[in-house]
Amino acid sequence: MQTCRHSRQLGFGTIELLVTISIFAVLTAVGLSSIDRRRHDINTTVRRITADFRWARARAVVSGDHFRFHVTSDNSYQIERLAEINGNWTVRSVTQRATLPDHIVLQPATEETDLDSRGVVVYADAADAIPAEWKINDQRFGALRTLTLYPSGQIHADQ
């Protein structure tokens, strides 16, 4: 009499399962270590401020109006459209408002930066026409970034 044994296993064995789980755990640990929340917050803020400033500069050139980038508090700013009334530039309307996260502090070189219809920064005195540095400080994690605003109206963020 002959007996036939089929040693067919269904599913994974214990060792195979442990190896698979450990490989997945190592890959997860490597992937999660690259996600650094503090860099995300400050980088997002820098990109937002840079984009808003460039938007205001482009609007000034396209519309032929003056615009102002006005820092209203340590963590908020607004973009204002200006109108000339009796030789003075006054706010016609606020086109954008932005509030930054509570732990992000904006330290501009000046509270108000005006852009003329050519997208160039307006200075009261020609001697002030030097690149201005704005500091963006993440107080929660101690990160600091710098934005450089040039007299031509261009803005550059450090890496």
C-alpha atoms as a PDB file:
ATOM      1  CA  MET A   1       0.000   0.000   0.000  1.00  0.00           C
ATOM      2  CA  GLN A   2       1.322   3.346  -0.984  1.00  0.00           C
ATOM      3  CA  THR A   3       0.573   6.572   0.847  1.00  0.00           C
ATOM      4  CA  CYS A   4       0.944   9.884  -0.820  1.00  0.00           C
ATOM      5  CA  ARG A   5       1.806  12.814   1.299  1.00  0.00           C
ATOM      6  CA  HIS A   6       1.203  16.250   0.007  1.00  0.00           C
ATOM      7  CA  SER A   7       3.159  18.739   2.033  1.00  0.00           C
ATOM      8  CA  ARG A   8       1.482  21.745   0.641  1.00  0.00           C
ATOM      9  CA  GLN A   9       1.518  24.697   3.065  1.00  0.00           C
ATOM     10  CA  LEU A  10      -0.980  27.453   2.900  1.00  0.00           C
ATOM     11  CA  GLY A  11       0.035  31.032   3.812  1.00  0.00           C
ATOM     12  CA  PHE A  12       3.269  32.310   5.269  1.00  0.00           C
ATOM     13  CA  GLY A  13       5.394  30.688   7.903  1.00  0.00           C
ATOM     14  CA  THR A  14       6.345  32.466  11.116  1.00  0.00           C
ATOM     15  CA  ILE A  15       9.861  33.342   9.973  1.00  0.00           C
ATOM     16  CA  GLU A  16       8.674  34.684   6.647  1.00  0.00           C
ATOM     17  CA  LEU A  17       6.082  36.843   8.354  1.00  0.00           C
ATOM     18  CA  LEU A  18       8.604  38.246  10.854  1.00  0.00           C
ATOM     19  CA  VAL A  19      11.084  39.071   8.079  1.00  0.00           C
ATOM     20  CA  THR A  20       8.387  40.864   6.088  1.00  0.00           C
ATOM     21  CA  ILE A  21       7.237  42.899   9.095  1.00  0.00           C
ATOM     22  CA  SER A  22      10.813  43.853  10.029  1.00  0.00           C
ATOM     23  CA  ILE A  23      11.574  45.025   6.479  1.00  0.00           C
ATOM     24  CA  PHE A  24       8.398  47.113   6.479  1.00  0.00           C
ATOM     25  CA  ALA A  25       9.324  48.584   9.891  1.00  0.00           C
ATOM     26  CA  VAL A  26      12.800  49.585   8.686  1.00  0.00           C
ATOM     27  CA  LEU A  27      11.406  51.227   5.537  1.00  0.00           C
ATOM     28  CA  THR A  28       8.789  53.092   7.581  1.00  0.00           C
ATOM     29  CA  ALA A  29      11.402  54.359  10.037  1.00  0.00           C
ATOM     30  CA  VAL A  30      13.600  55.623   7.206  1.00  0.00           C
ATOM     31  CA  GLY A  31      10.663  57.312   5.485  1.00  0.00           C
ATOM     32  CA  LEU A  32       9.295  58.993   8.603  1.00  0.00           C
ATOM     33  CA  SER A  33      12.678  60.331   9.655  1.00  0.00           C
ATOM     34  CA  SER A  34      12.787  62.452   6.497  1.00  0.00           C
ATOM     35  CA  ILE A  35       9.553  64.214   7.444  1.00  0.00           C
ATOM     36  CA  ASP A  36      10.606  67.141   9.601  1.00  0.00           C
ATOM     37  CA  ARG A  37       7.585  69.245  10.593  1.00  0.00           C
ATOM     38  CA  ARG A  38       9.570  72.310  11.660  1.00  0.00           C
ATOM     39  CA  ARG A  39      11.254  72.607   8.281  1.00  0.00           C
ATOM     40  CA  HIS A  40       7.883  72.236   6.597  1.00  0.00           C
ATOM     41  CA  ASP A  41       6.328  75.109   8.581  1.00  0.00           C
ATOM     42  CA  ILE A  42       9.124  77.594   8.015  1.00  0.00           C
ATOM     43  CA  ASN A  43       9.684  76.576   4.382  1.00  0.00           C
ATOM     44  CA  THR A  44       5.974  76.891   3.651  1.00  0.00           C
ATOM     45  CA  THR A  45       5.947  80.332   5.277  1.00  0.00           C
ATOM     46  CA  VAL A  46       8.975  81.492   3.271  1.00  0.00           C
ATOM     47  CA  ARG A  47       7.401  80.282   0.027  1.00  0.00           C
ATOM     48  CA  ARG A  48       4.108  81.964   0.884  1.00  0.00           C
ATOM     49  CA  ILE A  49       5.664  85.347   1.705  1.00  0.00           C
ATOM     50  CA  THR A  50       7.867  85.183  -1.397  1.00  0.00           C
ATOM     51  CA  ALA A  51       4.910  84.286  -3.607  1.00  0.00           C
ATOM     52  CA  ASP A  52       2.718  87.047  -2.135  1.00  0.00           C
ATOM     53  CA  PHE A  53       5.445  89.644  -2.588  1.00  0.00           C
ATOM     54  CA  ARG A  54       6.020  88.559  -6.185  1.00  0.00           C
ATOM     55  CA  TRP A  55       2.257  88.643  -6.779  1.00  0.00           C
ATOM     56  CA  ALA A  56       2.096  92.246  -5.471  1.00  0.00           C
ATOM     57  CA  ARG A  57       5.049  93.220  -7.669  1.00  0.00           C
ATOM     58  CA  ALA A  58       3.434  91.661 -10.751  1.00  0.00           C
ATOM     59  CA  ARG A  59       0.100  93.370  -9.998  1.00  0.00           C
ATOM     60  CA  ALA A  60       1.888  96.721  -9.689  1.00  0.00           C
ATOM     61  CA  VAL A  61       3.474  96.284 -13.108  1.00  0.00           C
ATOM     62  CA  VAL A  62       0.355  94.947 -14.835  1.00  0.00           C
ATOM     63  CA  SER A  63      -2.162  97.383 -13.355  1.00  0.00           C
ATOM     64  CA  GLY A  64       0.083 100.464 -13.256  1.00  0.00           C
ATOM     65  CA  ASP A  65      -0.813 101.041  -9.585  1.00  0.00           C
ATOM     66  CA  HIS A  66       1.332 101.214  -6.485  1.00  0.00           C
ATOM     67  CA  PHE A  67       1.131  98.348  -3.999  1.00  0.00           C
ATOM     68  CA  ARG A  68       2.302  98.050  -0.398  1.00  0.00           C
ATOM     69  CA  PHE A  69       3.448  94.961   1.484  1.00  0.00           C
ATOM     70  CA  HIS A  70       2.436  95.918   5.037  1.00  0.00           C
ATOM     71  CA  VAL A  71       3.479  93.825   8.055  1.00  0.00           C
ATOM     72  CA  THR A  72       0.638  94.364  10.549  1.00  0.00           C
ATOM     73  CA  SER A  73       1.980  92.224  13.426  1.00  0.00           C
ATOM     74  CA  ASP A  74       4.683  89.678  14.212  1.00  0.00           C
ATOM     75  CA  ASN A  75       2.809  86.967  12.345  1.00  0.00           C
ATOM     76  CA  SER A  76       0.514  88.705   9.869  1.00  0.00           C
ATOM     77  CA  TYR A  77       0.718  90.959   6.855  1.00  0.00           C
ATOM     78  CA  GLN A  78      -1.462  92.407   4.154  1.00  0.00           C
ATOM     79  CA  ILE A  79      -1.047  93.611   0.601  1.00  0.00           C
ATOM     80  CA  GLU A  80      -2.610  97.002  -0.086  1.00  0.00           C
ATOM     81  CA  ARG A  81      -3.437  98.741  -3.348  1.00  0.00           C
ATOM     82  CA  LEU A  82      -2.530 102.425  -3.135  1.00  0.00           C
ATOM     83  CA  ALA A  83      -3.998 105.529  -4.737  1.00  0.00           C
ATOM     84  CA  GLU A  84      -2.442 108.973  -5.012  1.00  0.00           C
ATOM     85  CA  ILE A  85      -4.632 111.575  -3.332  1.00  0.00           C
ATOM     86  CA  ASN A  86      -3.350 115.173  -3.093  1.00  0.00           C
ATOM     87  CA  GLY A  87       0.227 114.035  -3.660  1.00  0.00           C
ATOM     88  CA  ASN A  88       0.142 111.340  -0.943  1.00  0.00           C
ATOM     89  CA  TRP A  89      -0.159 107.607  -1.421  1.00  0.00           C
ATOM     90  CA  THR A  90      -3.055 106.243   0.604  1.00  0.00           C
ATOM     91  CA  VAL A  91      -4.614 102.808   0.846  1.00  0.00           C
ATOM     92  CA  ARG A  92      -7.371 102.287  -1.717  1.00  0.00           C
ATOM     93  CA  SER A  93      -8.071  98.663  -0.798  1.00  0.00           C
ATOM     94  CA  VAL A  94      -6.565  95.641   0.927  1.00  0.00           C
ATOM     95  CA  THR A  95      -6.149  92.954  -1.702  1.00  0.00           C
ATOM     96  CA  GLN A  96      -4.788  90.142   0.483  1.00  0.00           C
ATOM     97  CA  ARG A  97      -4.417  89.338   4.172  1.00  0.00           C
ATOM     98  CA  ALA A  98      -2.265  86.563   5.569  1.00  0.00           C
ATOM     99  CA  THR A  99      -1.806  85.192   9.058  1.00  0.00           C
ATOM    100  CA  LEU A 100       1.202  83.005   9.736  1.00  0.00           C
ATOM    101  CA  PRO A 101       1.321  80.191  12.324  1.00  0.00           C
ATOM    102  CA  ASP A 102       1.576  81.479  15.915  1.00  0.00           C
ATOM    103  CA  HIS A 103       5.144  80.274  16.398  1.00  0.00           C
ATOM    104  CA  ILE A 104       6.427  81.961  13.199  1.00  0.00           C
ATOM    105  CA  VAL A 105       7.621  85.545  13.669  1.00  0.00           C
ATOM    106  CA  LEU A 106       8.246  87.885  10.736  1.00  0.00           C
ATOM    107  CA  GLN A 107      10.938  90.502  11.343  1.00  0.00           C
ATOM    108  CA  PRO A 108      10.990  92.779   8.287  1.00  0.00           C
ATOM    109  CA  ALA A 109      13.584  95.441   7.596  1.00  0.00           C
ATOM    110  CA  THR A 110      10.698  97.936   7.398  1.00  0.00           C
ATOM    111  CA  GLU A 111       7.054  97.605   8.353  1.00  0.00           C
ATOM    112  CA  GLU A 112       5.868  98.861   4.973  1.00  0.00           C
ATOM    113  CA  THR A 113       7.414  98.255   1.577  1.00  0.00           C
ATOM    114  CA  ASP A 114       5.921 100.159  -1.352  1.00  0.00           C
ATOM    115  CA  LEU A 115       6.215  99.059  -4.970  1.00  0.00           C
ATOM    116  CA  ASP A 116       5.698 101.550  -7.778  1.00  0.00           C
ATOM    117  CA  SER A 117       4.048 100.884 -11.138  1.00  0.00           C
ATOM    118  CA  ARG A 118       7.337  99.467 -12.473  1.00  0.00           C
ATOM    119  CA  GLY A 119       7.584  96.946  -9.626  1.00  0.00           C
ATOM    120  CA  VAL A 120      10.519  98.786  -8.051  1.00  0.00           C
ATOM    121  CA  VAL A 121      10.758  99.421  -4.303  1.00  0.00           C
ATOM    122  CA  VAL A 122      10.003 103.054  -3.409  1.00  0.00           C
ATOM    123  CA  TYR A 123      12.467 104.658  -0.986  1.00  0.00           C
ATOM    124  CA  ALA A 124      12.111 108.026   0.722  1.00  0.00           C
ATOM    125  CA  ASP A 125      15.872 108.498   0.498  1.00  0.00           C
ATOM    126  CA  ALA A 126      18.117 107.135  -2.254  1.00  0.00           C
ATOM    127  CA  ALA A 127      20.701 106.165   0.394  1.00  0.00           C
ATOM    128  CA  ASP A 128      18.224 103.567   1.706  1.00  0.00           C
ATOM    129  CA  ALA A 129      18.275 101.732  -1.637  1.00  0.00           C
ATOM    130  CA  ILE A 130      20.286  98.742  -0.462  1.00  0.00           C
ATOM    131  CA  PRO A 131      19.160  95.116  -0.207  1.00  0.00           C
ATOM    132  CA  ALA A 132      17.022  94.668   2.906  1.00  0.00           C
ATOM    133  CA  GLU A 133      16.998  91.458   4.906  1.00  0.00           C
ATOM    134  CA  TRP A 134      13.829  90.110   6.444  1.00  0.00           C
ATOM    135  CA  LYS A 135      14.139  87.442   9.116  1.00  0.00           C
ATOM    136  CA  ILE A 136      11.577  84.693   9.566  1.00  0.00           C
ATOM    137  CA  ASN A 137      11.962  83.010  12.924  1.00  0.00           C
ATOM    138  CA  ASP A 138      10.343  79.739  13.969  1.00  0.00           C
ATOM    139  CA  GLN A 139      10.221  80.145  17.749  1.00  0.00           C
ATOM    140  CA  ARG A 140       8.989  76.639  18.417  1.00  0.00           C
ATOM    141  CA  PHE A 141      11.919  74.870  16.763  1.00  0.00           C
ATOM    142  CA  GLY A 142      14.570  77.583  16.610  1.00  0.00           C
ATOM    143  CA  ALA A 143      14.798  77.725  12.819  1.00  0.00           C
ATOM    144  CA  LEU A 144      15.686  81.007  11.115  1.00  0.00           C
ATOM    145  CA  ARG A 145      15.368  81.921   7.430  1.00  0.00           C
ATOM    146  CA  THR A 146      16.291  85.121   5.614  1.00  0.00           C
ATOM    147  CA  LEU A 147      14.534  86.857   2.738  1.00  0.00           C
ATOM    148  CA  THR A 148      16.528  89.462   0.834  1.00  0.00           C
ATOM    149  CA  LEU A 149      14.562  92.234  -0.844  1.00  0.00           C
ATOM    150  CA  TYR A 150      16.457  94.108  -3.542  1.00  0.00           C
ATOM    151  CA  PRO A 151      15.767  97.705  -4.613  1.00  0.00           C
ATOM    152  CA  SER A 152      14.683  96.372  -8.020  1.00  0.00           C
ATOM    153  CA  GLY A 153      11.749  94.683  -6.290  1.00  0.00           C
ATOM    154  CA  GLN A 154      13.127  91.183  -6.576  1.00  0.00           C
ATOM    155  CA  ILE A 155      13.039  88.911  -3.547  1.00  0.00           C
ATOM    156  CA  HIS A 156      15.316  85.981  -2.762  1.00  0.00           C
ATOM    157  CA  ALA A 157      15.030  83.332  -0.041  1.00  0.00           C
ATOM    158  CA  ASP A 158      18.083  81.652   1.440  1.00  0.00           C
ATOM    159  CA  GLN A 159      18.271  77.887   1.195  1.00  0.00           C
END
